[in-house]
Amino acid sequence: MRRGMCEEMRVESEVRVEIVDLAIAWNWDCDRPFVEMIREACARRGLSMVDITPEDLPGILERAWKGEWACRAFFDRASDWDEDFDALVDWARAAGVFRLNPTEQARAAWDKAAMHQRFVAAGLPTPPTWVLPPWEEQPEVEWPEEASGPLVAKPAFGGGGEGVKRITGLEDLAALRAAFPDQPFLIQRYVRPPALGGRPAWFRVLYAVDAVFPCWWDPETHRYTPVTEAEREAFGLHPLWALGHRIAGVCGLHLFSSEIAMDEEGRFLCIDYVNDPIDTRPQSTTPEGVPDGVLRQIADRIAEAVLRRVRCRSSW
């Protein structure tokens, strides 16, 4: 556990309480550079920050439940992989702490089948998509009548492309559904993006606390390149920003990414709805990582959100 600046010590009913502005729970070593970016962003604003790793967790939990430690804001990057952190999530919820990406909202966004329905209800553009029940509930399904052309099947849960595959018929689909028997499956018409300036019109749009950071994203190499203001104007990419804000309104998260592609008719379509937690590996160390400049701006957005919370003490 490393500490930021200006931790506050307060005495309540003869109990010495340490209060920090932001606590980040994390357990993936690749998150380290991003955590340090947030620490630096907080330090520039005079905010204190503590990062909580698995080694720190027992001591922090004991002090928190005893009323000897508290934080004003909490960012969970650990509980999705380590259930030991669930107790810290429960404490933060019970204590009324401002939580970046509240766990209950994040977990709701992980369900692609449910998110598809929410996107459709909100009028967000998606390719033609069909949702099928889990294999263990209904092993045999009929091929959707309107499902023609190149198609992609994906399980409702999971990330990093796991289980996502191009399919041509029921045999392909049956094998995939059997491999993920407890999950609904989405069949989505594959989008063939046109080339804009020599690059496929396929984008990863990152959202961080009211700010949108669209990046070109090559579906073959998985390389990010930030969209410049000149490209935004030249290629008419303004909808990427608008869609990022609209998706935030649907999922209710402070930080996420979405895949958006332009089809051959020039329409922007939401392909992969809400990715959380986002991959925070910097491009300087991992070629398919997020550009370092974008990560620093995201860190600044997080620090600004905490600063506003500290200043006004209002609920989000």
Protein backbone atom coordinates (compact mmCIF):
# COMPACT_ATOMS: atom_id res chain seq x y z
CA MET A 1 0.00 0.00 0.00
CA ARG A 2 1.35 3.41 -0.97
CA ARG A 3 0.00 6.65 0.32
CA GLY A 4 -0.63 9.97 -1.34
CA MET A 5 -0.37 13.43 0.13
CA CYS A 6 -2.23 15.03 3.00
CA GLU A 7 -4.04 12.13 4.63
CA GLU A 8 -6.42 13.53 7.18
CA MET A 9 -6.41 12.29 10.77
CA ARG A 10 -9.53 12.86 12.81
CA VAL A 11 -10.53 11.87 16.33
CA GLU A 12 -14.12 10.72 16.79
CA SER A 13 -15.26 9.39 20.18
CA GLU A 14 -11.62 8.84 21.10
CA VAL A 15 -11.05 6.70 17.97
CA ARG A 16 -8.27 7.96 15.75
CA VAL A 17 -9.58 7.88 12.16
CA GLU A 18 -7.38 8.09 9.08
CA ILE A 19 -9.33 9.53 6.14
CA VAL A 20 -8.00 9.47 2.58
CA ASP A 21 -9.58 11.10 -0.44
CA LEU A 22 -9.31 8.12 -2.80
CA ALA A 23 -8.70 4.41 -2.29
CA ILE A 24 -8.01 2.16 -5.29
CA ALA A 25 -8.31 -1.61 -4.94
CA TRP A 26 -6.23 -3.45 -7.54
CA ASN A 27 -4.59 -6.85 -7.97
CA TRP A 28 -3.25 -6.98 -11.54
CA ASP A 29 0.37 -5.94 -11.91
CA CYS A 30 -0.32 -4.47 -15.36
CA ASP A 31 -2.52 -1.87 -13.63
CA ARG A 32 0.50 -0.43 -11.82
CA PRO A 33 1.37 2.32 -14.36
CA PHE A 34 -2.26 3.49 -14.46
CA VAL A 35 -2.48 3.53 -10.66
CA GLU A 36 0.66 5.68 -10.59
CA MET A 37 -0.89 8.06 -13.15
CA ILE A 38 -3.91 8.47 -10.88
CA ARG A 39 -1.63 9.02 -7.89
CA GLU A 40 0.21 11.77 -9.75
CA ALA A 41 -3.06 13.36 -10.88
CA CYS A 42 -4.33 13.35 -7.29
CA ALA A 43 -1.08 14.79 -5.96
CA ARG A 44 -1.29 17.71 -8.41
CA ARG A 45 -4.67 18.53 -6.88
CA GLY A 46 -3.60 18.10 -3.28
CA LEU A 47 -5.61 14.89 -2.88
CA SER A 48 -4.53 11.90 -0.84
CA MET A 49 -4.62 8.43 -2.36
CA VAL A 50 -4.06 4.93 -1.06
CA ASP A 51 -3.83 1.86 -3.27
CA ILE A 52 -4.98 -1.42 -1.75
CA THR A 53 -3.45 -4.67 -2.98
CA PRO A 54 -4.24 -8.19 -1.72
CA GLU A 55 -1.43 -7.84 0.83
CA ASP A 56 -2.94 -4.64 2.24
CA LEU A 57 -6.55 -5.82 2.24
CA PRO A 58 -6.81 -7.60 5.64
CA GLY A 59 -5.36 -4.66 7.57
CA ILE A 60 -7.46 -2.07 5.76
CA LEU A 61 -10.64 -4.09 6.27
CA GLU A 62 -10.01 -4.51 9.97
CA ARG A 63 -9.40 -0.79 10.45
CA ALA A 64 -12.36 0.19 8.25
CA TRP A 65 -14.88 -1.93 10.16
CA LYS A 66 -13.45 -0.66 13.46
CA GLY A 67 -13.98 2.91 12.30
CA GLU A 68 -10.25 3.65 12.26
CA TRP A 69 -9.93 4.15 8.50
CA ALA A 70 -12.15 5.67 5.83
CA CYS A 71 -12.03 7.06 2.31
CA ARG A 72 -14.13 9.65 0.52
CA ALA A 73 -13.98 7.88 -2.86
CA PHE A 74 -13.39 4.26 -3.81
CA PHE A 75 -12.33 2.73 -7.13
CA ASP A 76 -12.60 -1.06 -7.37
CA ARG A 77 -10.28 -2.76 -9.89
CA ALA A 78 -10.03 -6.04 -8.00
CA SER A 79 -13.27 -7.69 -6.89
CA ASP A 80 -14.16 -9.04 -10.33
CA TRP A 81 -11.14 -11.36 -10.09
CA ASP A 82 -10.69 -11.73 -6.33
CA GLU A 83 -13.77 -12.29 -4.18
CA ASP A 84 -11.76 -11.40 -1.06
CA PHE A 85 -12.26 -7.77 -2.11
CA ASP A 86 -16.04 -8.16 -1.92
CA ALA A 87 -15.88 -7.31 1.78
CA LEU A 88 -14.22 -3.98 0.97
CA VAL A 89 -16.85 -3.30 -1.68
CA ASP A 90 -19.55 -4.05 0.92
CA TRP A 91 -17.92 -1.69 3.41
CA ALA A 92 -17.73 1.14 0.85
CA ARG A 93 -21.39 0.68 -0.07
CA ALA A 94 -22.50 0.56 3.58
CA ALA A 95 -20.40 3.61 4.44
CA GLY A 96 -21.97 5.68 1.66
CA VAL A 97 -18.62 6.27 -0.02
CA PHE A 98 -18.62 7.75 -3.52
CA ARG A 99 -17.77 4.78 -5.72
CA LEU A 100 -16.36 5.03 -9.22
CA ASN A 101 -18.10 2.35 -11.28
CA PRO A 102 -20.31 1.01 -8.47
CA THR A 103 -20.00 -2.76 -8.47
CA GLU A 104 -23.71 -3.48 -8.84
CA GLN A 105 -23.91 -1.26 -11.95
CA ALA A 106 -20.69 -2.67 -13.38
CA ARG A 107 -21.89 -6.25 -13.01
CA ALA A 108 -25.18 -5.39 -14.68
CA ALA A 109 -23.22 -4.00 -17.64
CA TRP A 110 -21.25 -7.23 -18.04
CA ASP A 111 -24.35 -8.99 -19.42
CA LYS A 112 -24.22 -8.28 -23.16
CA ALA A 113 -27.66 -9.80 -23.74
CA ALA A 114 -29.27 -7.50 -21.17
CA MET A 115 -27.25 -4.52 -22.41
CA HIS A 116 -28.43 -5.18 -25.95
CA GLN A 117 -32.03 -4.85 -24.79
CA ARG A 118 -31.17 -1.64 -22.92
CA PHE A 119 -29.42 -0.21 -25.99
CA VAL A 120 -32.40 -1.00 -28.20
CA ALA A 121 -34.80 0.55 -25.67
CA ALA A 122 -32.64 3.70 -25.58
CA GLY A 123 -32.56 3.95 -29.37
CA LEU A 124 -28.82 3.32 -29.64
CA PRO A 125 -27.83 1.99 -33.07
CA THR A 126 -26.68 -1.64 -33.24
CA PRO A 127 -26.29 -4.15 -36.07
CA PRO A 128 -29.13 -6.66 -36.49
CA THR A 129 -28.73 -8.87 -33.42
CA TRP A 130 -30.50 -11.97 -32.13
CA VAL A 131 -30.31 -13.18 -28.51
CA LEU A 132 -30.53 -16.93 -27.88
CA PRO A 133 -31.13 -18.67 -24.52
CA PRO A 134 -28.35 -20.66 -22.79
CA TRP A 135 -27.65 -24.11 -24.20
CA GLU A 136 -28.42 -25.78 -20.86
CA GLU A 137 -31.92 -24.25 -20.94
CA GLN A 138 -32.62 -24.91 -24.62
CA PRO A 139 -30.03 -27.08 -26.40
CA GLU A 140 -31.77 -26.88 -29.78
CA VAL A 141 -32.66 -23.57 -31.38
CA GLU A 142 -33.83 -22.58 -34.82
CA TRP A 143 -31.67 -20.43 -37.04
CA PRO A 144 -33.08 -16.87 -37.00
CA GLU A 145 -34.89 -16.36 -40.30
CA GLU A 146 -33.38 -12.96 -40.99
CA ALA A 147 -29.83 -13.93 -39.98
CA SER A 148 -27.99 -13.77 -43.28
CA GLY A 149 -24.61 -12.64 -44.50
CA PRO A 150 -21.46 -12.76 -42.37
CA LEU A 151 -22.35 -13.26 -38.71
CA VAL A 152 -20.54 -13.13 -35.39
CA ALA A 153 -21.60 -15.09 -32.30
CA LYS A 154 -20.57 -14.06 -28.81
CA PRO A 155 -21.44 -15.23 -25.28
CA ALA A 156 -23.27 -12.78 -23.05
CA PHE A 157 -20.44 -12.69 -20.52
CA GLY A 158 -16.70 -12.52 -20.87
CA GLY A 159 -14.21 -10.19 -22.45
CA GLY A 160 -11.02 -10.06 -24.43
CA GLY A 161 -12.69 -11.75 -27.38
CA GLU A 162 -13.25 -15.03 -25.52
CA GLY A 163 -15.89 -17.10 -27.31
CA VAL A 164 -16.35 -14.55 -30.11
CA LYS A 165 -16.33 -16.26 -33.50
CA ARG A 166 -17.51 -15.85 -37.07
CA ILE A 167 -20.20 -18.43 -37.84
CA THR A 168 -21.95 -19.65 -40.98
CA GLY A 169 -24.68 -21.94 -39.68
CA LEU A 170 -26.25 -23.98 -36.89
CA GLU A 171 -23.29 -26.36 -36.57
CA ASP A 172 -20.90 -23.54 -35.72
CA LEU A 173 -23.43 -21.99 -33.37
CA ALA A 174 -24.19 -25.27 -31.58
CA ALA A 175 -20.50 -25.88 -30.85
CA LEU A 176 -20.08 -22.41 -29.40
CA ARG A 177 -23.22 -22.60 -27.26
CA ALA A 178 -22.16 -25.99 -25.90
CA ALA A 179 -18.77 -24.53 -24.95
CA PHE A 180 -20.50 -21.85 -22.84
CA PRO A 181 -23.61 -23.80 -21.74
CA ASP A 182 -24.81 -21.45 -19.01
CA GLN A 183 -24.70 -18.25 -21.07
CA PRO A 184 -27.12 -16.60 -23.48
CA PHE A 185 -25.60 -16.02 -26.91
CA LEU A 186 -25.79 -13.07 -29.24
CA ILE A 187 -25.71 -13.47 -33.01
CA GLN A 188 -24.74 -10.20 -34.64
CA ARG A 189 -24.47 -9.31 -38.30
CA TYR A 190 -20.83 -8.59 -39.02
CA VAL A 191 -20.05 -5.01 -39.95
CA ARG A 192 -17.61 -4.39 -42.79
CA PRO A 193 -16.27 -0.91 -42.17
CA PRO A 194 -15.10 1.28 -45.03
CA ALA A 195 -11.59 2.68 -45.02
CA LEU A 196 -11.12 6.27 -43.88
CA GLY A 197 -7.71 7.69 -44.58
CA GLY A 198 -6.34 4.19 -45.09
CA ARG A 199 -7.71 2.81 -41.80
CA PRO A 200 -10.83 0.75 -41.11
CA ALA A 201 -13.62 2.86 -39.61
CA TRP A 202 -13.62 0.81 -36.42
CA PHE A 203 -13.24 2.57 -33.10
CA ARG A 204 -12.71 2.00 -29.41
CA VAL A 205 -14.46 4.80 -27.59
CA LEU A 206 -13.28 5.30 -24.02
CA TYR A 207 -15.45 7.22 -21.57
CA ALA A 208 -14.19 8.70 -18.32
CA VAL A 209 -16.35 10.91 -16.09
CA ASP A 210 -18.13 13.08 -18.67
CA ALA A 211 -15.28 12.98 -21.21
CA VAL A 212 -15.10 10.84 -24.36
CA PHE A 213 -11.84 9.66 -25.94
CA PRO A 214 -12.43 7.99 -29.33
CA CYS A 215 -9.58 5.97 -30.81
CA TRP A 216 -9.14 4.23 -34.11
CA TRP A 217 -8.96 0.53 -33.31
CA ASP A 218 -7.71 -2.05 -35.75
CA PRO A 219 -9.73 -5.27 -35.24
CA GLU A 220 -6.82 -7.31 -36.60
CA THR A 221 -3.86 -5.83 -34.70
CA HIS A 222 -5.86 -4.39 -31.76
CA ARG A 223 -3.79 -1.21 -31.96
CA TYR A 224 -5.25 2.07 -30.66
CA THR A 225 -4.64 5.46 -32.29
CA PRO A 226 -6.37 8.56 -30.85
CA VAL A 227 -8.78 10.33 -33.20
CA THR A 228 -7.44 13.82 -33.86
CA GLU A 229 -9.58 16.93 -34.08
CA ALA A 230 -8.65 17.23 -37.77
CA GLU A 231 -9.86 13.65 -38.39
CA ARG A 232 -13.03 14.34 -36.46
CA GLU A 233 -13.83 17.17 -38.86
CA ALA A 234 -12.52 15.57 -42.06
CA PHE A 235 -14.36 12.26 -41.65
CA GLY A 236 -17.45 13.44 -39.79
CA LEU A 237 -16.68 11.46 -36.63
CA HIS A 238 -18.71 13.69 -34.29
CA PRO A 239 -21.22 10.87 -33.58
CA LEU A 240 -18.52 8.97 -31.68
CA TRP A 241 -18.57 11.58 -28.92
CA ALA A 242 -22.35 11.74 -28.82
CA LEU A 243 -22.66 7.95 -28.68
CA GLY A 244 -20.12 7.77 -25.86
CA HIS A 245 -22.24 10.11 -23.74
CA ARG A 246 -25.46 8.28 -24.61
CA ILE A 247 -23.96 4.91 -23.66
CA ALA A 248 -22.85 6.39 -20.33
CA GLY A 249 -26.43 7.42 -19.70
CA VAL A 250 -27.60 3.85 -20.29
CA CYS A 251 -24.99 1.96 -18.27
CA GLY A 252 -24.44 4.52 -15.49
CA LEU A 253 -20.69 3.90 -15.27
CA HIS A 254 -17.95 6.50 -14.81
CA LEU A 255 -15.33 4.58 -16.81
CA PHE A 256 -15.78 2.11 -19.68
CA SER A 257 -15.04 1.49 -23.34
CA SER A 258 -17.24 0.56 -26.30
CA GLU A 259 -16.56 -0.68 -29.81
CA ILE A 260 -18.27 1.37 -32.51
CA ALA A 261 -17.92 0.80 -36.25
CA MET A 262 -19.14 2.57 -39.35
CA ASP A 263 -20.98 0.35 -41.82
CA GLU A 264 -20.86 0.58 -45.61
CA GLU A 265 -23.78 3.01 -45.56
CA GLY A 266 -21.95 5.43 -43.25
CA ARG A 267 -23.93 4.59 -40.10
CA PHE A 268 -22.17 4.35 -36.75
CA LEU A 269 -23.19 1.13 -35.00
CA CYS A 270 -22.45 -0.06 -31.46
CA ILE A 271 -20.69 -3.42 -31.80
CA ASP A 272 -19.44 -4.28 -28.31
CA TYR A 273 -21.57 -2.40 -25.85
CA VAL A 274 -19.85 -1.79 -22.51
CA ASN A 275 -16.40 -3.05 -21.54
CA ASP A 276 -15.58 -2.88 -17.84
CA PRO A 277 -13.04 -2.97 -16.40
CA ILE A 278 -11.16 -1.34 -19.25
CA ASP A 279 -7.70 -2.50 -20.21
CA THR A 280 -5.33 0.07 -18.70
CA ARG A 281 -2.03 -1.26 -20.01
CA PRO A 282 -0.12 1.70 -21.49
CA GLN A 283 0.87 1.52 -25.14
CA SER A 284 4.44 2.42 -24.20
CA THR A 285 4.83 -1.02 -22.60
CA THR A 286 2.19 -3.07 -24.47
CA PRO A 287 1.65 -2.47 -28.21
CA GLU A 288 -2.09 -3.21 -27.99
CA GLY A 289 -2.48 -1.07 -24.88
CA VAL A 290 -4.20 2.30 -24.51
CA PRO A 291 -2.16 5.31 -25.68
CA ASP A 292 -0.32 6.79 -22.70
CA GLY A 293 -1.70 10.27 -23.34
CA VAL A 294 -5.27 8.98 -23.24
CA LEU A 295 -4.58 7.10 -19.99
CA ARG A 296 -3.19 10.26 -18.40
CA GLN A 297 -6.31 12.19 -19.40
CA ILE A 298 -8.46 9.43 -17.89
CA ALA A 299 -6.43 9.62 -14.68
CA ASP A 300 -7.03 13.38 -14.63
CA ARG A 301 -10.78 12.86 -15.07
CA ILE A 302 -10.83 10.46 -12.11
CA ALA A 303 -8.86 12.88 -9.93
CA GLU A 304 -11.17 15.74 -10.93
CA ALA A 305 -14.21 13.67 -9.98
CA VAL A 306 -12.71 12.97 -6.56
CA LEU A 307 -11.79 16.64 -6.13
CA ARG A 308 -15.35 17.73 -6.86
CA ARG A 309 -16.60 15.16 -4.39
CA VAL A 310 -14.23 16.40 -1.69
CA ARG A 311 -15.22 20.01 -2.32
CA CYS A 312 -18.98 19.68 -2.42
CA ARG A 313 -19.63 16.40 -0.52
CA SER A 314 -22.65 15.90 -2.79
CA SER A 315 -24.01 12.56 -3.93
CA TRP A 316 -23.48 11.34 -7.47
